[in-house]
Amino acid sequence: MDFSLQSILPILIIALTVITSIKGFGDMAFFERYKFNVGAILGNSKQWDRLLTSATLHGDYMHLLFNMMTLYFFSDIITYSFGVWIYLAIYFLSIIGGGLLSLFIHRKEYYYSAIGASGGVVGILFAAIAVYPTMPLRFFFIPIDIPGWIFGLGYLAFSIYGMLKKVGNIGHDAHMGGAIVGIVVAVIYTPAKLLSMNAVYLGIMVLPLIVLAYLIWKKK
């Protein structure tokens, strides 16, 4: 069994998130105080800590399980590729980046609330794809392997569609913000030789981000 910090750190983050999420399930005051809420952040109370604390809460056990399983499966790629400090930077900066994008998109909707570690989880996932864009990904509902960059392209495109059409009770903007941070940090720290080998895959994968940038600029 591997007891290195690279292996233990993701488990510690998962354990902490599970504990705080379960507390939130049964303690509504705790849940309400630490969830993401535009009014609480931009209003008089200026509770900016919610950008981070909301990632320690989840809506139900399925939401929690899906996020923590995804985080667990992709964490090793980042901890062993970049080390624990870059892993922590990607995870927490992706949470903040997702929160800030949500805050910008919903800045006039003081009632808007959100919860979940999805921003950080998606940041780790997309950082892994940025390093190994051709790695095969398989999901429960798709019984075939999909190259990471193709999955990334589809995921980003769907996130933009979800943001525009408000599809489901999903924080598409937080996912998008997390993905952007994960890709950027991974690109910064990926060796130039490996980055040049993957440039075409990355370029195609991030095309939806160009569309998003245009849409945001157009709405200013």
Foldseek 3Di string as FASTA:
>chain_A
DDPDCLQVVLVVVLVQLVVLQVVVVPDVVSVVVQWDFLCCCPPPVNPLNSLQSLASHDDDPVQSVVLSVLQNVQSSLCCVQPNDVLLVVLQRQQSNQLSVQLCVLCVVPRGDTHGHSLSSSLLSLLLSCLLQQQDWDDDPVRHDTDGNLVVLQVLLLVLVVCSVVVPDPDSSSSSNRSNVSSNVSSLVPHDPVSNVVCVVSVVNSCVSVVVVVVVVVVVD
